[in-house]
Amino acid sequence: MKNIKKGVDKCLLLDTSKSVFWMDYKWATRLDALSQHYVELVVDWWTSKTTVSPNRKDIVKLKVSTKQFEVHPMHFLQVS
């Protein structure tokens, strides 16, 4: 029990001094990641070349976090 209390006290002390290492942490980007320009091009192409499914039951449900979902209708690629 003493070890847990020491750890909690140390975290509280670091938080009050504002010099904690996890405050300014940024994830490393992949070397093969797309630039923002190409991401915008892909999103523009996808929105122009797809149609929303006519069926009401065709819904994509993506779990974002605990008890939170991102829900959107299914899209179909247009054949041209």
PDB file of N, CA and C in Angstrom:
ATOM      1  N   MET A   1       0.816  -1.190   0.000  1.00  0.00           N
ATOM      2  CA  MET A   1       0.000   0.000   0.000  1.00  0.00           C
ATOM      3  C   MET A   1       0.864   1.260   0.000  1.00  0.00           C
ATOM      4  N   LYS A   2       2.027   1.204   0.641  1.00  0.00           N
ATOM      5  CA  LYS A   2       2.908   2.373   0.681  1.00  0.00           C
ATOM      6  C   LYS A   2       3.453   2.701  -0.705  1.00  0.00           C
ATOM      7  N   ASN A   3       3.741   1.662  -1.512  1.00  0.00           N
ATOM      8  CA  ASN A   3       4.290   1.907  -2.845  1.00  0.00           C
ATOM      9  C   ASN A   3       3.291   2.637  -3.724  1.00  0.00           C
ATOM     10  N   ILE A   4       2.033   2.278  -3.627  1.00  0.00           N
ATOM     11  CA  ILE A   4       0.995   2.936  -4.438  1.00  0.00           C
ATOM     12  C   ILE A   4       0.854   4.387  -4.009  1.00  0.00           C
ATOM     13  N   LYS A   5       0.846   4.620  -2.699  1.00  0.00           N
ATOM     14  CA  LYS A   5       0.715   5.997  -2.200  1.00  0.00           C
ATOM     15  C   LYS A   5       1.908   6.846  -2.648  1.00  0.00           C
ATOM     16  N   LYS A   6       3.118   6.277  -2.620  1.00  0.00           N
ATOM     17  CA  LYS A   6       4.288   7.020  -3.076  1.00  0.00           C
ATOM     18  C   LYS A   6       4.179   7.363  -4.558  1.00  0.00           C
ATOM     19  N   GLY A   7       3.698   6.413  -5.350  1.00  0.00           N
ATOM     20  CA  GLY A   7       3.544   6.668  -6.781  1.00  0.00           C
ATOM     21  C   GLY A   7       2.520   7.744  -7.064  1.00  0.00           C
ATOM     22  N   VAL A   8       1.394   7.699  -6.357  1.00  0.00           N
ATOM     23  CA  VAL A   8       0.356   8.717  -6.534  1.00  0.00           C
ATOM     24  C   VAL A   8       0.877  10.081  -6.108  1.00  0.00           C
ATOM     25  N   ASP A   9       1.579  10.132  -4.972  1.00  0.00           N
ATOM     26  CA  ASP A   9       2.138  11.407  -4.517  1.00  0.00           C
ATOM     27  C   ASP A   9       3.143  11.963  -5.521  1.00  0.00           C
ATOM     28  N   LYS A  10       3.959  11.089  -6.112  1.00  0.00           N
ATOM     29  CA  LYS A  10       4.952  11.535  -7.092  1.00  0.00           C
ATOM     30  C   LYS A  10       4.266  12.085  -8.343  1.00  0.00           C
ATOM     31  N   CYS A  11       3.200  11.433  -8.791  1.00  0.00           N
ATOM     32  CA  CYS A  11       2.465  11.927  -9.963  1.00  0.00           C
ATOM     33  C   CYS A  11       1.836  13.282  -9.670  1.00  0.00           C
ATOM     34  N   LEU A  12       1.264  13.448  -8.502  1.00  0.00           N
ATOM     35  CA  LEU A  12       0.669  14.734  -8.142  1.00  0.00           C
ATOM     36  C   LEU A  12       1.732  15.824  -8.067  1.00  0.00           C
ATOM     37  N   LEU A  13       2.897  15.501  -7.538  1.00  0.00           N
ATOM     38  CA  LEU A  13       3.988  16.470  -7.465  1.00  0.00           C
ATOM     39  C   LEU A  13       4.449  16.872  -8.863  1.00  0.00           C
ATOM     40  N   LEU A  14       4.573  15.911  -9.778  1.00  0.00           N
ATOM     41  CA  LEU A  14       4.988  16.220 -11.146  1.00  0.00           C
ATOM     42  C   LEU A  14       3.939  17.065 -11.846  1.00  0.00           C
ATOM     43  N   ASP A  15       2.657  16.788 -11.600  1.00  0.00           N
ATOM     44  CA  ASP A  15       1.604  17.551 -12.250  1.00  0.00           C
ATOM     45  C   ASP A  15       1.590  19.009 -11.795  1.00  0.00           C
ATOM     46  N   THR A  16       1.912  19.277 -10.545  1.00  0.00           N
ATOM     47  CA  THR A  16       1.898  20.655 -10.079  1.00  0.00           C
ATOM     48  C   THR A  16       3.111  21.435 -10.572  1.00  0.00           C
ATOM     49  N   SER A  17       4.218  20.756 -10.872  1.00  0.00           N
ATOM     50  CA  SER A  17       5.405  21.462 -11.332  1.00  0.00           C
ATOM     51  C   SER A  17       5.377  21.724 -12.837  1.00  0.00           C
ATOM     52  N   LYS A  18       4.435  21.124 -13.567  1.00  0.00           N
ATOM     53  CA  LYS A  18       4.248  21.320 -15.027  1.00  0.00           C
ATOM     54  C   LYS A  18       5.460  20.908 -15.841  1.00  0.00           C
ATOM     55  N   SER A  19       6.300  20.026 -15.320  1.00  0.00           N
ATOM     56  CA  SER A  19       7.461  19.571 -16.073  1.00  0.00           C
ATOM     57  C   SER A  19       7.377  18.066 -16.320  1.00  0.00           C
ATOM     58  N   VAL A  20       6.193  17.598 -16.629  1.00  0.00           N
ATOM     59  CA  VAL A  20       5.998  16.168 -16.833  1.00  0.00           C
ATOM     60  C   VAL A  20       6.309  15.813 -18.275  1.00  0.00           C
ATOM     61  N   PHE A  21       6.840  14.638 -18.484  1.00  0.00           N
ATOM     62  CA  PHE A  21       7.268  14.254 -19.820  1.00  0.00           C
ATOM     63  C   PHE A  21       6.096  13.887 -20.722  1.00  0.00           C
ATOM     64  N   TRP A  22       4.930  13.572 -20.177  1.00  0.00           N
ATOM     65  CA  TRP A  22       3.829  13.135 -21.035  1.00  0.00           C
ATOM     66  C   TRP A  22       2.936  14.289 -21.489  1.00  0.00           C
ATOM     67  N   MET A  23       3.230  15.510 -21.066  1.00  0.00           N
ATOM     68  CA  MET A  23       2.388  16.629 -21.453  1.00  0.00           C
ATOM     69  C   MET A  23       2.564  16.993 -22.933  1.00  0.00           C
ATOM     70  N   ASP A  24       3.774  16.969 -23.441  1.00  0.00           N
ATOM     71  CA  ASP A  24       4.044  17.391 -24.812  1.00  0.00           C
ATOM     72  C   ASP A  24       4.407  16.224 -25.706  1.00  0.00           C
ATOM     73  N   TYR A  25       3.913  15.041 -25.388  1.00  0.00           N
ATOM     74  CA  TYR A  25       4.265  13.859 -26.173  1.00  0.00           C
ATOM     75  C   TYR A  25       3.486  13.854 -27.486  1.00  0.00           C
ATOM     76  N   LYS A  26       4.183  13.601 -28.590  1.00  0.00           N
ATOM     77  CA  LYS A  26       3.537  13.494 -29.902  1.00  0.00           C
ATOM     78  C   LYS A  26       3.925  12.156 -30.506  1.00  0.00           C
ATOM     79  N   TRP A  27       2.972  11.514 -31.151  1.00  0.00           N
ATOM     80  CA  TRP A  27       3.236  10.233 -31.804  1.00  0.00           C
ATOM     81  C   TRP A  27       4.145  10.449 -32.999  1.00  0.00           C
ATOM     82  N   ALA A  28       5.030   9.520 -33.212  1.00  0.00           N
ATOM     83  CA  ALA A  28       5.919   9.580 -34.371  1.00  0.00           C
ATOM     84  C   ALA A  28       5.107   9.268 -35.633  1.00  0.00           C
ATOM     85  N   THR A  29       5.363  10.005 -36.698  1.00  0.00           N
ATOM     86  CA  THR A  29       4.652   9.753 -37.942  1.00  0.00           C
ATOM     87  C   THR A  29       5.394   8.689 -38.744  1.00  0.00           C
ATOM     88  N   ARG A  30       4.622   7.918 -39.486  1.00  0.00           N
ATOM     89  CA  ARG A  30       5.227   6.881 -40.319  1.00  0.00           C
ATOM     90  C   ARG A  30       5.975   7.516 -41.481  1.00  0.00           C
ATOM     91  N   LEU A  31       6.996   6.838 -41.951  1.00  0.00           N
ATOM     92  CA  LEU A  31       7.776   7.353 -43.071  1.00  0.00           C
ATOM     93  C   LEU A  31       6.995   7.302 -44.374  1.00  0.00           C
ATOM     94  N   ASP A  32       6.073   6.331 -44.492  1.00  0.00           N
ATOM     95  CA  ASP A  32       5.305   6.203 -45.726  1.00  0.00           C
ATOM     96  C   ASP A  32       3.909   6.836 -45.610  1.00  0.00           C
ATOM     97  N   ALA A  33       3.712   7.743 -44.663  1.00  0.00           N
ATOM     98  CA  ALA A  33       2.415   8.389 -44.472  1.00  0.00           C
ATOM     99  C   ALA A  33       2.141   9.359 -45.620  1.00  0.00           C
ATOM    100  N   LEU A  34       0.866   9.508 -45.964  1.00  0.00           N
ATOM    101  CA  LEU A  34       0.475  10.441 -47.011  1.00  0.00           C
ATOM    102  C   LEU A  34       0.486  11.868 -46.479  1.00  0.00           C
ATOM    103  N   SER A  35       0.857  12.794 -47.335  1.00  0.00           N
ATOM    104  CA  SER A  35       0.817  14.197 -46.928  1.00  0.00           C
ATOM    105  C   SER A  35      -0.636  14.667 -46.919  1.00  0.00           C
ATOM    106  N   GLN A  36      -0.877  15.792 -46.262  1.00  0.00           N
ATOM    107  CA  GLN A  36      -2.248  16.305 -46.133  1.00  0.00           C
ATOM    108  C   GLN A  36      -2.841  16.617 -47.510  1.00  0.00           C
ATOM    109  N   HIS A  37      -2.034  17.040 -48.453  1.00  0.00           N
ATOM    110  CA  HIS A  37      -2.516  17.338 -49.803  1.00  0.00           C
ATOM    111  C   HIS A  37      -3.107  16.091 -50.463  1.00  0.00           C
ATOM    112  N   TYR A  38      -2.407  14.964 -50.370  1.00  0.00           N
ATOM    113  CA  TYR A  38      -2.892  13.733 -50.967  1.00  0.00           C
ATOM    114  C   TYR A  38      -4.118  13.192 -50.236  1.00  0.00           C
ATOM    115  N   VAL A  39      -4.173  13.393 -48.944  1.00  0.00           N
ATOM    116  CA  VAL A  39      -5.348  12.965 -48.187  1.00  0.00           C
ATOM    117  C   VAL A  39      -6.574  13.738 -48.660  1.00  0.00           C
ATOM    118  N   GLU A  40      -6.424  15.035 -48.870  1.00  0.00           N
ATOM    119  CA  GLU A  40      -7.543  15.839 -49.361  1.00  0.00           C
ATOM    120  C   GLU A  40      -7.962  15.408 -50.762  1.00  0.00           C
ATOM    121  N   LEU A  41      -6.997  15.071 -51.623  1.00  0.00           N
ATOM    122  CA  LEU A  41      -7.336  14.591 -52.965  1.00  0.00           C
ATOM    123  C   LEU A  41      -8.138  13.288 -52.910  1.00  0.00           C
ATOM    124  N   VAL A  42      -7.722  12.374 -52.049  1.00  0.00           N
ATOM    125  CA  VAL A  42      -8.427  11.092 -51.922  1.00  0.00           C
ATOM    126  C   VAL A  42      -9.835  11.298 -51.384  1.00  0.00           C
ATOM    127  N   VAL A  43      -9.991  12.161 -50.391  1.00  0.00           N
ATOM    128  CA  VAL A  43     -11.315  12.421 -49.817  1.00  0.00           C
ATOM    129  C   VAL A  43     -12.222  13.075 -50.853  1.00  0.00           C
ATOM    130  N   ASP A  44     -11.695  14.017 -51.624  1.00  0.00           N
ATOM    131  CA  ASP A  44     -12.503  14.654 -52.684  1.00  0.00           C
ATOM    132  C   ASP A  44     -12.925  13.640 -53.731  1.00  0.00           C
ATOM    133  N   TRP A  45     -12.001  12.765 -54.150  1.00  0.00           N
ATOM    134  CA  TRP A  45     -12.335  11.746 -55.138  1.00  0.00           C
ATOM    135  C   TRP A  45     -13.392  10.799 -54.586  1.00  0.00           C
ATOM    136  N   TRP A  46     -13.223  10.385 -53.332  1.00  0.00           N
ATOM    137  CA  TRP A  46     -14.151   9.420 -52.733  1.00  0.00           C
ATOM    138  C   TRP A  46     -15.557  10.007 -52.621  1.00  0.00           C
ATOM    139  N   THR A  47     -15.653  11.275 -52.237  1.00  0.00           N
ATOM    140  CA  THR A  47     -16.980  11.876 -52.108  1.00  0.00           C
ATOM    141  C   THR A  47     -17.639  12.090 -53.463  1.00  0.00           C
ATOM    142  N   SER A  48     -16.871  12.305 -54.505  1.00  0.00           N
ATOM    143  CA  SER A  48     -17.466  12.519 -55.823  1.00  0.00           C
ATOM    144  C   SER A  48     -17.804  11.215 -56.537  1.00  0.00           C
ATOM    145  N   LYS A  49     -17.117  10.120 -56.236  1.00  0.00           N
ATOM    146  CA  LYS A  49     -17.308   8.866 -56.957  1.00  0.00           C
ATOM    147  C   LYS A  49     -18.146   7.831 -56.206  1.00  0.00           C
ATOM    148  N   THR A  50     -18.664   8.156 -55.047  1.00  0.00           N
ATOM    149  CA  THR A  50     -19.471   7.181 -54.310  1.00  0.00           C
ATOM    150  C   THR A  50     -20.888   7.680 -54.120  1.00  0.00           C
ATOM    151  N   THR A  51     -21.795   6.746 -53.919  1.00  0.00           N
ATOM    152  CA  THR A  51     -23.181   7.077 -53.612  1.00  0.00           C
ATOM    153  C   THR A  51     -23.572   6.390 -52.315  1.00  0.00           C
ATOM    154  N   VAL A  52     -24.513   6.983 -51.633  1.00  0.00           N
ATOM    155  CA  VAL A  52     -25.004   6.413 -50.387  1.00  0.00           C
ATOM    156  C   VAL A  52     -25.949   5.266 -50.726  1.00  0.00           C
ATOM    157  N   SER A  53     -25.863   4.203 -49.948  1.00  0.00           N
ATOM    158  CA  SER A  53     -26.707   3.035 -50.161  1.00  0.00           C
ATOM    159  C   SER A  53     -28.180   3.401 -49.990  1.00  0.00           C
ATOM    160  N   PRO A  54     -29.053   2.904 -50.885  1.00  0.00           N
ATOM    161  CA  PRO A  54     -30.482   3.216 -50.757  1.00  0.00           C
ATOM    162  C   PRO A  54     -31.165   2.452 -49.616  1.00  0.00           C
ATOM    163  N   ASN A  55     -30.522   1.405 -49.091  1.00  0.00           N
ATOM    164  CA  ASN A  55     -31.119   0.637 -48.004  1.00  0.00           C
ATOM    165  C   ASN A  55     -30.869   1.332 -46.667  1.00  0.00           C
ATOM    166  N   ARG A  56     -31.912   1.472 -45.888  1.00  0.00           N
ATOM    167  CA  ARG A  56     -31.764   2.107 -44.578  1.00  0.00           C
ATOM    168  C   ARG A  56     -30.949   1.257 -43.622  1.00  0.00           C
ATOM    169  N   LYS A  57     -30.940  -0.061 -43.824  1.00  0.00           N
ATOM    170  CA  LYS A  57     -30.244  -0.965 -42.909  1.00  0.00           C
ATOM    171  C   LYS A  57     -28.740  -1.050 -43.176  1.00  0.00           C
ATOM    172  N   ASP A  58     -28.271  -0.503 -44.285  1.00  0.00           N
ATOM    173  CA  ASP A  58     -26.837  -0.527 -44.602  1.00  0.00           C
ATOM    174  C   ASP A  58     -26.132   0.596 -43.843  1.00  0.00           C
ATOM    175  N   ILE A  59     -25.789   0.308 -42.602  1.00  0.00           N
ATOM    176  CA  ILE A  59     -25.157   1.306 -41.751  1.00  0.00           C
ATOM    177  C   ILE A  59     -23.836   0.745 -41.241  1.00  0.00           C
ATOM    178  N   VAL A  60     -22.796   1.564 -41.308  1.00  0.00           N
ATOM    179  CA  VAL A  60     -21.487   1.191 -40.790  1.00  0.00           C
ATOM    180  C   VAL A  60     -21.370   1.770 -39.384  1.00  0.00           C
ATOM    181  N   LYS A  61     -20.980   0.935 -38.438  1.00  0.00           N
ATOM    182  CA  LYS A  61     -20.874   1.353 -37.042  1.00  0.00           C
ATOM    183  C   LYS A  61     -19.444   1.104 -36.581  1.00  0.00           C
ATOM    184  N   LEU A  62     -18.724   2.161 -36.270  1.00  0.00           N
ATOM    185  CA  LEU A  62     -17.331   2.079 -35.855  1.00  0.00           C
ATOM    186  C   LEU A  62     -17.222   2.492 -34.392  1.00  0.00           C
ATOM    187  N   LYS A  63     -16.618   1.624 -33.573  1.00  0.00           N
ATOM    188  CA  LYS A  63     -16.477   1.929 -32.154  1.00  0.00           C
ATOM    189  C   LYS A  63     -15.334   2.915 -31.957  1.00  0.00           C
ATOM    190  N   VAL A  64     -15.635   4.071 -31.396  1.00  0.00           N
ATOM    191  CA  VAL A  64     -14.653   5.122 -31.176  1.00  0.00           C
ATOM    192  C   VAL A  64     -14.016   4.969 -29.798  1.00  0.00           C
ATOM    193  N   SER A  65     -14.832   4.786 -28.788  1.00  0.00           N
ATOM    194  CA  SER A  65     -14.345   4.565 -27.427  1.00  0.00           C
ATOM    195  C   SER A  65     -15.423   3.809 -26.667  1.00  0.00           C
ATOM    196  N   THR A  66     -15.298   3.760 -25.369  1.00  0.00           N
ATOM    197  CA  THR A  66     -16.253   3.022 -24.562  1.00  0.00           C
ATOM    198  C   THR A  66     -17.647   3.619 -24.708  1.00  0.00           C
ATOM    199  N   LYS A  67     -18.568   2.804 -25.171  1.00  0.00           N
ATOM    200  CA  LYS A  67     -19.973   3.185 -25.348  1.00  0.00           C
ATOM    201  C   LYS A  67     -20.170   4.354 -26.307  1.00  0.00           C
ATOM    202  N   GLN A  68     -19.218   4.600 -27.203  1.00  0.00           N
ATOM    203  CA  GLN A  68     -19.358   5.656 -28.202  1.00  0.00           C
ATOM    204  C   GLN A  68     -19.067   5.077 -29.576  1.00  0.00           C
ATOM    205  N   PHE A  69     -19.971   5.317 -30.521  1.00  0.00           N
ATOM    206  CA  PHE A  69     -19.849   4.776 -31.857  1.00  0.00           C
ATOM    207  C   PHE A  69     -19.980   5.896 -32.872  1.00  0.00           C
ATOM    208  N   GLU A  70     -19.279   5.727 -33.978  1.00  0.00           N
ATOM    209  CA  GLU A  70     -19.429   6.624 -35.122  1.00  0.00           C
ATOM    210  C   GLU A  70     -20.277   5.877 -36.139  1.00  0.00           C
ATOM    211  N   VAL A  71     -21.423   6.414 -36.470  1.00  0.00           N
ATOM    212  CA  VAL A  71     -22.374   5.730 -37.343  1.00  0.00           C
ATOM    213  C   VAL A  71     -22.549   6.547 -38.615  1.00  0.00           C
ATOM    214  N   HIS A  72     -22.437   5.871 -39.765  1.00  0.00           N
ATOM    215  CA  HIS A  72     -22.688   6.545 -41.033  1.00  0.00           C
ATOM    216  C   HIS A  72     -23.211   5.526 -42.037  1.00  0.00           C
ATOM    217  N   PRO A  73     -23.929   5.982 -43.067  1.00  0.00           N
ATOM    218  CA  PRO A  73     -24.456   5.045 -44.059  1.00  0.00           C
ATOM    219  C   PRO A  73     -23.340   4.469 -44.932  1.00  0.00           C
ATOM    220  N   MET A  74     -23.589   3.293 -45.469  1.00  0.00           N
ATOM    221  CA  MET A  74     -22.613   2.638 -46.336  1.00  0.00           C
ATOM    222  C   MET A  74     -22.570   3.346 -47.690  1.00  0.00           C
ATOM    223  N   HIS A  75     -21.390   3.449 -48.273  1.00  0.00           N
ATOM    224  CA  HIS A  75     -21.206   4.081 -49.577  1.00  0.00           C
ATOM    225  C   HIS A  75     -20.823   3.008 -50.596  1.00  0.00           C
ATOM    226  N   PHE A  76     -21.296   3.188 -51.806  1.00  0.00           N
ATOM    227  CA  PHE A  76     -20.944   2.302 -52.911  1.00  0.00           C
ATOM    228  C   PHE A  76     -20.174   3.074 -53.964  1.00  0.00           C
ATOM    229  N   LEU A  77     -19.155   2.433 -54.519  1.00  0.00           N
ATOM    230  CA  LEU A  77     -18.353   3.041 -55.568  1.00  0.00           C
ATOM    231  C   LEU A  77     -19.124   2.959 -56.875  1.00  0.00           C
ATOM    232  N   GLN A  78     -19.222   4.075 -57.586  1.00  0.00           N
ATOM    233  CA  GLN A  78     -19.954   4.110 -58.843  1.00  0.00           C
ATOM    234  C   GLN A  78     -19.114   3.482 -59.939  1.00  0.00           C
ATOM    235  N   VAL A  79     -19.734   2.656 -60.752  1.00  0.00           N
ATOM    236  CA  VAL A  79     -19.052   2.036 -61.884  1.00  0.00           C
ATOM    237  C   VAL A  79     -19.274   2.933 -63.092  1.00  0.00           C
ATOM    238  N   SER A  80     -18.177   3.353 -63.687  1.00  0.00           N
ATOM    239  CA  SER A  80     -18.339   4.236 -64.857  1.00  0.00           C
ATOM    240  C   SER A  80     -17.615   3.694 -66.053  1.00  0.00           C
TER     241      SER A  80
END
